[in-house]
Amino acid sequence: MSQPLTFAGKTAVITGAASGIGRALAQALAVRCCDLALADVNAEGLEETAAALRSNERKVTTHIVDVGDKEAIKAFADTVEAEHGAAHLLFNNAGVAVGGRFEQISEDDFEWLVGINFWGPIRMTRAFLPLMRRSGEGHITNISSIFGVIAPAGQTAYSASKFGVRGFSDALRHELGQDAIRVTTVHPGGVNTSIAENARISAHTTAEEREAGLKQAAENLVMPPARAAEIILRGVERRKPRVLVGRDAHMLAWFEKLMPSRYWTFMQGRLGSALKEEKRS
């Protein structure tokens, strides 16, 4: 069995650090005495995250990075190496959503989402893996989704990207099996982030459909990001290959395992009650 990962003294790179799970990971890793290289496109939110974490005990840097831009990612890795000297922990957390069914979503919006959610983690891993090798160890944590385990209607673009992250992570883990670099895939359920509010909406989506989608998100995305971050980091500390976040994620993964081709029929009426129970807990 692998020894537990030690966070203290490591440099952690986090994308999507301006809010949500990314901000909560930064806060939790600061408590664990990590240096932090925080990236996001939201400069104001990023600085809010960093301002409360800087101290004489740890180094915190901020970087405006669009993970859909491969040249920006290359430059980011060079900057982190120059400013921190190493990168030991990589959290590929940045993600976006697109509202609408497949025939409603434009090809440009589909490509935009895949460029961030799928190509982002791949390019970040390619850029930062050499830094981990030079430091002699590393851990890559790729944030997929429970929609990388199940694929609901209305989530063609998002599920395609998150299933892709899952497949990439699994294959990479197998390739790195004999190395001192580990890979964890994370499948969060309903975490209270702003991803639904910030989603791109198809021009073919009506105002009523958008309102209904936001209402459903408000009911389902209930777990505090800080709680999600602690679950993730406990899994990373134990070097777990897969981490499910939330009772809803565990339930849906169980449904998929039990009925891989028929779960959608059964889950629609049961998901709501499970998420309400999650909210009450």
C-alpha atoms as a PDB file:
ATOM      1  CA  MET A   1       0.000   0.000   0.000  1.00  0.00           C
ATOM      2  CA  SER A   2       1.256   3.483  -0.862  1.00  0.00           C
ATOM      3  CA  GLN A   3       2.273   5.797   1.922  1.00  0.00           C
ATOM      4  CA  PRO A   4      -0.179   8.679   2.557  1.00  0.00           C
ATOM      5  CA  LEU A   5       0.629  11.821   0.633  1.00  0.00           C
ATOM      6  CA  THR A   6       2.167  14.636   2.665  1.00  0.00           C
ATOM      7  CA  PHE A   7       0.923  18.091   1.670  1.00  0.00           C
ATOM      8  CA  ALA A   8       3.168  20.327   3.786  1.00  0.00           C
ATOM      9  CA  GLY A   9       5.919  22.016   1.823  1.00  0.00           C
ATOM     10  CA  LYS A  10       4.482  21.074  -1.574  1.00  0.00           C
ATOM     11  CA  THR A  11       3.482  23.480  -4.337  1.00  0.00           C
ATOM     12  CA  ALA A  12      -0.096  22.994  -5.525  1.00  0.00           C
ATOM     13  CA  VAL A  13      -1.387  24.300  -8.855  1.00  0.00           C
ATOM     14  CA  ILE A  14      -5.155  24.877  -8.980  1.00  0.00           C
ATOM     15  CA  THR A  15      -7.236  25.978 -11.965  1.00  0.00           C
ATOM     16  CA  GLY A  16     -10.654  27.546 -11.494  1.00  0.00           C
ATOM     17  CA  ALA A  17      -9.435  28.943  -8.167  1.00  0.00           C
ATOM     18  CA  ALA A  18     -11.547  32.112  -8.159  1.00  0.00           C
ATOM     19  CA  SER A  19     -14.619  30.436  -6.684  1.00  0.00           C
ATOM     20  CA  GLY A  20     -16.398  27.194  -5.863  1.00  0.00           C
ATOM     21  CA  ILE A  21     -14.426  23.994  -5.424  1.00  0.00           C
ATOM     22  CA  GLY A  22     -11.211  25.627  -6.668  1.00  0.00           C
ATOM     23  CA  ARG A  23     -11.325  28.326  -3.985  1.00  0.00           C
ATOM     24  CA  ALA A  24     -12.203  25.750  -1.320  1.00  0.00           C
ATOM     25  CA  LEU A  25      -9.279  23.549  -2.395  1.00  0.00           C
ATOM     26  CA  ALA A  26      -6.944  26.536  -2.134  1.00  0.00           C
ATOM     27  CA  GLN A  27      -8.185  27.321   1.364  1.00  0.00           C
ATOM     28  CA  ALA A  28      -7.889  23.705   2.517  1.00  0.00           C
ATOM     29  CA  LEU A  29      -4.411  23.283   1.018  1.00  0.00           C
ATOM     30  CA  ALA A  30      -3.227  26.515   2.658  1.00  0.00           C
ATOM     31  CA  VAL A  31      -4.251  25.054   6.008  1.00  0.00           C
ATOM     32  CA  ARG A  32      -2.143  22.025   5.073  1.00  0.00           C
ATOM     33  CA  CYS A  33       0.863  24.339   4.546  1.00  0.00           C
ATOM     34  CA  CYS A  34       1.074  24.155   0.757  1.00  0.00           C
ATOM     35  CA  ASP A  35       2.443  26.891  -1.469  1.00  0.00           C
ATOM     36  CA  LEU A  36      -0.156  27.788  -4.073  1.00  0.00           C
ATOM     37  CA  ALA A  37      -0.182  28.751  -7.750  1.00  0.00           C
ATOM     38  CA  LEU A  38      -3.774  29.790  -8.405  1.00  0.00           C
ATOM     39  CA  ALA A  39      -5.228  30.230 -11.897  1.00  0.00           C
ATOM     40  CA  ASP A  40      -8.520  31.519 -13.278  1.00  0.00           C
ATOM     41  CA  VAL A  41      -9.893  33.921 -15.896  1.00  0.00           C
ATOM     42  CA  ASN A  42     -11.701  35.873 -13.166  1.00  0.00           C
ATOM     43  CA  ALA A  43      -9.038  38.258 -11.881  1.00  0.00           C
ATOM     44  CA  GLU A  44     -11.166  39.801  -9.148  1.00  0.00           C
ATOM     45  CA  GLY A  45     -12.330  36.470  -7.740  1.00  0.00           C
ATOM     46  CA  LEU A  46      -8.826  35.075  -7.962  1.00  0.00           C
ATOM     47  CA  GLU A  47      -7.404  37.923  -5.909  1.00  0.00           C
ATOM     48  CA  GLU A  48     -10.170  37.485  -3.331  1.00  0.00           C
ATOM     49  CA  THR A  49      -9.126  33.847  -2.973  1.00  0.00           C
ATOM     50  CA  ALA A  50      -5.438  34.658  -2.671  1.00  0.00           C
ATOM     51  CA  ALA A  51      -5.667  37.700  -0.403  1.00  0.00           C
ATOM     52  CA  ALA A  52      -6.844  35.727   2.615  1.00  0.00           C
ATOM     53  CA  LEU A  53      -4.229  32.991   2.127  1.00  0.00           C
ATOM     54  CA  ARG A  54      -0.956  34.864   1.752  1.00  0.00           C
ATOM     55  CA  SER A  55       1.346  34.677   4.746  1.00  0.00           C
ATOM     56  CA  ASN A  56       4.989  34.457   5.703  1.00  0.00           C
ATOM     57  CA  GLU A  57       4.605  30.685   5.969  1.00  0.00           C
ATOM     58  CA  ARG A  58       3.442  30.057   2.407  1.00  0.00           C
ATOM     59  CA  LYS A  59       3.867  31.508  -1.067  1.00  0.00           C
ATOM     60  CA  VAL A  60       0.697  32.271  -3.034  1.00  0.00           C
ATOM     61  CA  THR A  61       0.802  33.467  -6.630  1.00  0.00           C
ATOM     62  CA  THR A  62      -2.085  34.305  -8.950  1.00  0.00           C
ATOM     63  CA  HIS A  63      -2.211  33.787 -12.692  1.00  0.00           C
ATOM     64  CA  ILE A  64      -4.842  34.857 -15.230  1.00  0.00           C
ATOM     65  CA  VAL A  65      -5.063  31.738 -17.386  1.00  0.00           C
ATOM     66  CA  ASP A  66      -7.677  30.566 -19.876  1.00  0.00           C
ATOM     67  CA  VAL A  67      -7.283  26.777 -19.835  1.00  0.00           C
ATOM     68  CA  GLY A  68      -8.885  26.686 -23.269  1.00  0.00           C
ATOM     69  CA  ASP A  69      -5.742  28.426 -24.613  1.00  0.00           C
ATOM     70  CA  LYS A  70      -2.857  26.001 -25.102  1.00  0.00           C
ATOM     71  CA  GLU A  71      -0.227  28.748 -25.414  1.00  0.00           C
ATOM     72  CA  ALA A  72      -1.418  30.323 -22.159  1.00  0.00           C
ATOM     73  CA  ILE A  73      -1.036  26.959 -20.427  1.00  0.00           C
ATOM     74  CA  LYS A  74       2.551  26.548 -21.640  1.00  0.00           C
ATOM     75  CA  ALA A  75       3.408  30.026 -20.404  1.00  0.00           C
ATOM     76  CA  PHE A  76       1.704  29.304 -17.072  1.00  0.00           C
ATOM     77  CA  ALA A  77       3.874  26.230 -16.464  1.00  0.00           C
ATOM     78  CA  ASP A  78       7.025  28.220 -17.210  1.00  0.00           C
ATOM     79  CA  THR A  79       5.933  30.979 -14.831  1.00  0.00           C
ATOM     80  CA  VAL A  80       5.140  28.547 -12.017  1.00  0.00           C
ATOM     81  CA  GLU A  81       8.548  26.919 -12.377  1.00  0.00           C
ATOM     82  CA  ALA A  82      10.247  30.323 -12.342  1.00  0.00           C
ATOM     83  CA  GLU A  83       8.309  31.603  -9.328  1.00  0.00           C
ATOM     84  CA  HIS A  84       7.940  28.411  -7.254  1.00  0.00           C
ATOM     85  CA  GLY A  85      10.791  26.235  -8.493  1.00  0.00           C
ATOM     86  CA  ALA A  86       8.575  23.150  -8.642  1.00  0.00           C
ATOM     87  CA  ALA A  87       5.028  21.839  -8.968  1.00  0.00           C
ATOM     88  CA  HIS A  88       4.052  18.769  -6.960  1.00  0.00           C
ATOM     89  CA  LEU A  89       0.252  18.794  -6.961  1.00  0.00           C
ATOM     90  CA  LEU A  90      -1.967  19.630  -9.924  1.00  0.00           C
ATOM     91  CA  PHE A  91      -5.711  20.151  -9.513  1.00  0.00           C
ATOM     92  CA  ASN A  92      -7.437  20.403 -12.885  1.00  0.00           C
ATOM     93  CA  ASN A  93     -10.636  21.937 -11.592  1.00  0.00           C
ATOM     94  CA  ALA A  94     -11.696  24.669 -14.073  1.00  0.00           C
ATOM     95  CA  GLY A  95     -14.911  23.818 -15.875  1.00  0.00           C
ATOM     96  CA  VAL A  96     -17.851  25.334 -17.741  1.00  0.00           C
ATOM     97  CA  ALA A  97     -21.324  24.271 -18.807  1.00  0.00           C
ATOM     98  CA  VAL A  98     -23.629  24.788 -21.772  1.00  0.00           C
ATOM     99  CA  GLY A  99     -27.410  24.714 -21.383  1.00  0.00           C
ATOM    100  CA  GLY A 100     -29.582  22.948 -23.936  1.00  0.00           C
ATOM    101  CA  ARG A 101     -30.070  19.657 -25.711  1.00  0.00           C
ATOM    102  CA  PHE A 102     -27.682  18.526 -28.447  1.00  0.00           C
ATOM    103  CA  GLU A 103     -29.732  19.895 -31.348  1.00  0.00           C
ATOM    104  CA  GLN A 104     -30.087  23.248 -29.562  1.00  0.00           C
ATOM    105  CA  ILE A 105     -26.367  23.736 -28.854  1.00  0.00           C
ATOM    106  CA  SER A 106     -24.203  25.346 -31.521  1.00  0.00           C
ATOM    107  CA  GLU A 107     -21.037  23.612 -32.636  1.00  0.00           C
ATOM    108  CA  ASP A 108     -19.032  26.627 -31.476  1.00  0.00           C
ATOM    109  CA  ASP A 109     -20.431  26.344 -27.929  1.00  0.00           C
ATOM    110  CA  PHE A 110     -19.816  22.589 -27.902  1.00  0.00           C
ATOM    111  CA  GLU A 111     -16.194  23.125 -28.974  1.00  0.00           C
ATOM    112  CA  TRP A 112     -15.734  25.920 -26.418  1.00  0.00           C
ATOM    113  CA  LEU A 113     -16.847  23.629 -23.590  1.00  0.00           C
ATOM    114  CA  VAL A 114     -14.718  20.684 -24.746  1.00  0.00           C
ATOM    115  CA  GLY A 115     -11.716  22.990 -25.120  1.00  0.00           C
ATOM    116  CA  ILE A 116     -11.923  23.928 -21.438  1.00  0.00           C
ATOM    117  CA  ASN A 117     -13.320  20.824 -19.747  1.00  0.00           C
ATOM    118  CA  PHE A 118     -11.448  18.175 -21.748  1.00  0.00           C
ATOM    119  CA  TRP A 119      -8.463  19.727 -23.507  1.00  0.00           C
ATOM    120  CA  GLY A 120      -7.718  21.920 -20.491  1.00  0.00           C
ATOM    121  CA  PRO A 121      -6.785  19.025 -18.161  1.00  0.00           C
ATOM    122  CA  ILE A 122      -4.873  17.270 -20.939  1.00  0.00           C
ATOM    123  CA  ARG A 123      -2.800  20.316 -21.801  1.00  0.00           C
ATOM    124  CA  MET A 124      -2.271  21.219 -18.153  1.00  0.00           C
ATOM    125  CA  THR A 125      -1.026  17.694 -17.474  1.00  0.00           C
ATOM    126  CA  ARG A 126       1.304  17.796 -20.471  1.00  0.00           C
ATOM    127  CA  ALA A 127       2.693  21.150 -19.313  1.00  0.00           C
ATOM    128  CA  PHE A 128       3.158  20.278 -15.635  1.00  0.00           C
ATOM    129  CA  LEU A 129       4.150  16.605 -15.769  1.00  0.00           C
ATOM    130  CA  PRO A 130       7.798  17.480 -16.583  1.00  0.00           C
ATOM    131  CA  LEU A 131       7.915  19.717 -13.482  1.00  0.00           C
ATOM    132  CA  MET A 132       6.669  16.833 -11.357  1.00  0.00           C
ATOM    133  CA  ARG A 133       9.275  14.505 -12.830  1.00  0.00           C
ATOM    134  CA  ARG A 134      12.018  17.004 -12.060  1.00  0.00           C
ATOM    135  CA  SER A 135      10.795  17.287  -8.473  1.00  0.00           C
ATOM    136  CA  GLY A 136      10.792  13.488  -8.130  1.00  0.00           C
ATOM    137  CA  GLU A 137       7.115  13.107  -7.221  1.00  0.00           C
ATOM    138  CA  GLY A 138       3.676  14.373  -8.037  1.00  0.00           C
ATOM    139  CA  HIS A 139      -0.068  13.912  -7.866  1.00  0.00           C
ATOM    140  CA  ILE A 140      -2.562  14.883 -10.568  1.00  0.00           C
ATOM    141  CA  THR A 141      -6.194  15.380  -9.559  1.00  0.00           C
ATOM    142  CA  ASN A 142      -8.667  15.720 -12.406  1.00  0.00           C
ATOM    143  CA  ILE A 143     -12.134  16.963 -11.514  1.00  0.00           C
ATOM    144  CA  SER A 144     -14.617  15.084 -13.675  1.00  0.00           C
ATOM    145  CA  SER A 145     -18.260  14.940 -12.520  1.00  0.00           C
ATOM    146  CA  ILE A 146     -20.932  12.430 -11.683  1.00  0.00           C
ATOM    147  CA  PHE A 147     -21.922  13.257 -15.275  1.00  0.00           C
ATOM    148  CA  GLY A 148     -18.691  11.486 -16.192  1.00  0.00           C
ATOM    149  CA  VAL A 149     -20.293   8.320 -14.780  1.00  0.00           C
ATOM    150  CA  ILE A 150     -23.888   8.822 -15.910  1.00  0.00           C
ATOM    151  CA  ALA A 151     -25.089  10.805 -18.923  1.00  0.00           C
ATOM    152  CA  PRO A 152     -28.440  12.568 -18.432  1.00  0.00           C
ATOM    153  CA  ALA A 153     -30.462  14.039 -21.250  1.00  0.00           C
ATOM    154  CA  GLY A 154     -29.589  17.692 -21.758  1.00  0.00           C
ATOM    155  CA  GLN A 155     -25.914  17.134 -20.891  1.00  0.00           C
ATOM    156  CA  THR A 156     -24.405  15.938 -24.179  1.00  0.00           C
ATOM    157  CA  ALA A 157     -21.533  18.422 -24.237  1.00  0.00           C
ATOM    158  CA  TYR A 158     -20.816  18.349 -20.508  1.00  0.00           C
ATOM    159  CA  SER A 159     -20.995  14.557 -20.210  1.00  0.00           C
ATOM    160  CA  ALA A 160     -18.854  14.074 -23.323  1.00  0.00           C
ATOM    161  CA  SER A 161     -16.129  16.226 -21.787  1.00  0.00           C
ATOM    162  CA  LYS A 162     -16.340  14.658 -18.327  1.00  0.00           C
ATOM    163  CA  PHE A 163     -16.361  11.083 -19.635  1.00  0.00           C
ATOM    164  CA  GLY A 164     -13.297  12.126 -21.628  1.00  0.00           C
ATOM    165  CA  VAL A 165     -11.548  13.364 -18.475  1.00  0.00           C
ATOM    166  CA  ARG A 166     -12.353  10.063 -16.801  1.00  0.00           C
ATOM    167  CA  GLY A 167     -10.923   8.001 -19.676  1.00  0.00           C
ATOM    168  CA  PHE A 168      -7.814  10.146 -19.969  1.00  0.00           C
ATOM    169  CA  SER A 169      -7.191   9.947 -16.225  1.00  0.00           C
ATOM    170  CA  ASP A 170      -7.622   6.172 -16.077  1.00  0.00           C
ATOM    171  CA  ALA A 171      -5.240   5.543 -18.979  1.00  0.00           C
ATOM    172  CA  LEU A 172      -2.684   8.010 -17.619  1.00  0.00           C
ATOM    173  CA  ARG A 173      -2.852   6.341 -14.208  1.00  0.00           C
ATOM    174  CA  HIS A 174      -2.037   3.009 -15.808  1.00  0.00           C
ATOM    175  CA  GLU A 175       0.864   4.523 -17.756  1.00  0.00           C
ATOM    176  CA  LEU A 176       2.304   6.086 -14.603  1.00  0.00           C
ATOM    177  CA  GLY A 177       1.756   2.987 -12.478  1.00  0.00           C
ATOM    178  CA  GLN A 178       5.456   2.430 -11.778  1.00  0.00           C
ATOM    179  CA  ASP A 179       6.272   6.112 -11.303  1.00  0.00           C
ATOM    180  CA  ALA A 180       6.186   8.350  -8.239  1.00  0.00           C
ATOM    181  CA  ILE A 181       3.298  10.261  -9.816  1.00  0.00           C
ATOM    182  CA  ARG A 182      -0.300   9.317  -9.011  1.00  0.00           C
ATOM    183  CA  VAL A 183      -3.613  10.252 -10.617  1.00  0.00           C
ATOM    184  CA  THR A 184      -6.983  10.743  -8.915  1.00  0.00           C
ATOM    185  CA  THR A 185     -10.250  11.250 -10.771  1.00  0.00           C
ATOM    186  CA  VAL A 186     -12.970  13.101  -8.858  1.00  0.00           C
ATOM    187  CA  HIS A 187     -16.690  12.755  -9.562  1.00  0.00           C
ATOM    188  CA  PRO A 188     -18.616  15.417  -7.595  1.00  0.00           C
ATOM    189  CA  GLY A 189     -22.375  15.290  -7.310  1.00  0.00           C
ATOM    190  CA  GLY A 190     -24.366  18.412  -6.507  1.00  0.00           C
ATOM    191  CA  VAL A 191     -21.888  20.974  -5.159  1.00  0.00           C
ATOM    192  CA  ASN A 192     -23.036  24.556  -4.607  1.00  0.00           C
ATOM    193  CA  THR A 193     -20.998  26.411  -7.238  1.00  0.00           C
ATOM    194  CA  SER A 194     -21.883  29.053  -9.830  1.00  0.00           C
ATOM    195  CA  ILE A 195     -21.379  26.769 -12.840  1.00  0.00           C
ATOM    196  CA  ALA A 196     -25.092  26.705 -13.713  1.00  0.00           C
ATOM    197  CA  GLU A 197     -25.463  30.488 -13.355  1.00  0.00           C
ATOM    198  CA  ASN A 198     -22.431  31.048 -15.598  1.00  0.00           C
ATOM    199  CA  ALA A 199     -23.393  28.470 -18.213  1.00  0.00           C
ATOM    200  CA  ARG A 200     -23.735  29.463 -21.828  1.00  0.00           C
ATOM    201  CA  ILE A 201     -27.328  29.132 -22.952  1.00  0.00           C
ATOM    202  CA  SER A 202     -28.369  28.115 -26.442  1.00  0.00           C
ATOM    203  CA  ALA A 203     -30.183  30.768 -28.454  1.00  0.00           C
ATOM    204  CA  HIS A 204     -32.878  28.141 -28.971  1.00  0.00           C
ATOM    205  CA  THR A 205     -33.511  27.785 -25.228  1.00  0.00           C
ATOM    206  CA  THR A 206     -36.602  29.636 -24.030  1.00  0.00           C
ATOM    207  CA  ALA A 207     -36.688  31.887 -20.976  1.00  0.00           C
ATOM    208  CA  GLU A 208     -38.962  29.354 -19.279  1.00  0.00           C
ATOM    209  CA  GLU A 209     -36.482  26.533 -19.939  1.00  0.00           C
ATOM    210  CA  ARG A 210     -33.608  28.617 -18.572  1.00  0.00           C
ATOM    211  CA  GLU A 211     -35.570  29.530 -15.456  1.00  0.00           C
ATOM    212  CA  ALA A 212     -36.508  25.893 -14.904  1.00  0.00           C
ATOM    213  CA  GLY A 213     -32.874  24.863 -15.305  1.00  0.00           C
ATOM    214  CA  LEU A 214     -31.652  27.412 -12.765  1.00  0.00           C
ATOM    215  CA  LYS A 215     -34.362  26.351 -10.322  1.00  0.00           C
ATOM    216  CA  GLN A 216     -33.338  22.710 -10.671  1.00  0.00           C
ATOM    217  CA  ALA A 217     -29.683  23.654 -10.161  1.00  0.00           C
ATOM    218  CA  ALA A 218     -30.558  25.576  -6.995  1.00  0.00           C
ATOM    219  CA  GLU A 219     -32.365  22.509  -5.643  1.00  0.00           C
ATOM    220  CA  ASN A 220     -29.672  20.010  -6.633  1.00  0.00           C
ATOM    221  CA  LEU A 221     -26.361  21.833  -6.136  1.00  0.00           C
ATOM    222  CA  VAL A 222     -26.396  21.844  -2.352  1.00  0.00           C
ATOM    223  CA  MET A 223     -23.111  20.557  -0.904  1.00  0.00           C
ATOM    224  CA  PRO A 224     -20.863  23.370   0.411  1.00  0.00           C
ATOM    225  CA  PRO A 225     -17.626  23.601  -1.625  1.00  0.00           C
ATOM    226  CA  ALA A 226     -15.552  23.406   1.578  1.00  0.00           C
ATOM    227  CA  ARG A 227     -17.046  20.007   2.371  1.00  0.00           C
ATOM    228  CA  ALA A 228     -16.366  18.815  -1.180  1.00  0.00           C
ATOM    229  CA  ALA A 229     -12.760  20.001  -0.959  1.00  0.00           C
ATOM    230  CA  GLU A 230     -12.175  18.059   2.262  1.00  0.00           C
ATOM    231  CA  ILE A 231     -13.549  14.872   0.698  1.00  0.00           C
ATOM    232  CA  ILE A 232     -11.316  15.374  -2.330  1.00  0.00           C
ATOM    233  CA  LEU A 233      -8.174  16.022  -0.295  1.00  0.00           C
ATOM    234  CA  ARG A 234      -8.795  13.045   1.977  1.00  0.00           C
ATOM    235  CA  GLY A 235      -8.960  10.916  -1.164  1.00  0.00           C
ATOM    236  CA  VAL A 236      -5.797  12.457  -2.589  1.00  0.00           C
ATOM    237  CA  GLU A 237      -4.005  12.003   0.736  1.00  0.00           C
ATOM    238  CA  ARG A 238      -4.840   8.291   0.548  1.00  0.00           C
ATOM    239  CA  ARG A 239      -3.841   8.273  -3.138  1.00  0.00           C
ATOM    240  CA  LYS A 240      -7.243   6.924  -4.143  1.00  0.00           C
ATOM    241  CA  PRO A 241      -7.677   6.496  -7.892  1.00  0.00           C
ATOM    242  CA  ARG A 242     -11.336   7.549  -7.774  1.00  0.00           C
ATOM    243  CA  VAL A 243     -13.262   9.830  -5.424  1.00  0.00           C
ATOM    244  CA  LEU A 244     -17.037  10.184  -5.420  1.00  0.00           C
ATOM    245  CA  VAL A 245     -18.231  13.383  -3.716  1.00  0.00           C
ATOM    246  CA  GLY A 246     -21.658  13.317  -2.087  1.00  0.00           C
ATOM    247  CA  ARG A 247     -24.318  10.742  -1.367  1.00  0.00           C
ATOM    248  CA  ASP A 248     -25.995  11.628  -4.645  1.00  0.00           C
ATOM    249  CA  ALA A 249     -22.801  10.758  -6.538  1.00  0.00           C
ATOM    250  CA  HIS A 250     -22.520   7.429  -4.716  1.00  0.00           C
ATOM    251  CA  MET A 251     -26.162   6.609  -5.395  1.00  0.00           C
ATOM    252  CA  LEU A 252     -25.989   7.468  -9.091  1.00  0.00           C
ATOM    253  CA  ALA A 253     -22.742   5.555  -9.565  1.00  0.00           C
ATOM    254  CA  TRP A 254     -24.413   2.542  -7.940  1.00  0.00           C
ATOM    255  CA  PHE A 255     -27.416   2.852 -10.274  1.00  0.00           C
ATOM    256  CA  GLU A 256     -25.101   2.988 -13.292  1.00  0.00           C
ATOM    257  CA  LYS A 257     -23.197  -0.073 -12.127  1.00  0.00           C
ATOM    258  CA  LEU A 258     -26.393  -2.006 -11.444  1.00  0.00           C
ATOM    259  CA  MET A 259     -28.218  -0.981 -14.640  1.00  0.00           C
ATOM    260  CA  PRO A 260     -25.637   0.407 -17.089  1.00  0.00           C
ATOM    261  CA  SER A 261     -28.084   0.662 -19.998  1.00  0.00           C
ATOM    262  CA  ARG A 262     -31.314   1.375 -18.088  1.00  0.00           C
ATOM    263  CA  TYR A 263     -30.394   3.656 -15.178  1.00  0.00           C
ATOM    264  CA  TRP A 264     -31.856   6.784 -16.806  1.00  0.00           C
ATOM    265  CA  THR A 265     -35.361   5.338 -16.678  1.00  0.00           C
ATOM    266  CA  PHE A 266     -35.073   4.566 -12.968  1.00  0.00           C
ATOM    267  CA  MET A 267     -33.114   7.531 -11.685  1.00  0.00           C
ATOM    268  CA  GLN A 268     -35.361  10.395 -12.799  1.00  0.00           C
ATOM    269  CA  GLY A 269     -37.980   9.908 -10.099  1.00  0.00           C
ATOM    270  CA  ARG A 270     -35.524   9.012  -7.356  1.00  0.00           C
ATOM    271  CA  LEU A 271     -32.844  11.659  -7.726  1.00  0.00           C
ATOM    272  CA  GLY A 272     -34.955  14.491  -6.348  1.00  0.00           C
ATOM    273  CA  SER A 273     -35.681  12.801  -3.010  1.00  0.00           C
ATOM    274  CA  ALA A 274     -32.034  11.800  -2.555  1.00  0.00           C
ATOM    275  CA  LEU A 275     -30.832  15.351  -3.162  1.00  0.00           C
ATOM    276  CA  LYS A 276     -33.396  16.769  -0.731  1.00  0.00           C
ATOM    277  CA  GLU A 277     -32.043  14.404   1.919  1.00  0.00           C
ATOM    278  CA  GLU A 278     -28.514  15.614   1.093  1.00  0.00           C
ATOM    279  CA  LYS A 279     -29.698  19.197   1.606  1.00  0.00           C
ATOM    280  CA  ARG A 280     -31.198  18.429   5.016  1.00  0.00           C
ATOM    281  CA  SER A 281     -28.049  16.681   6.296  1.00  0.00           C
END
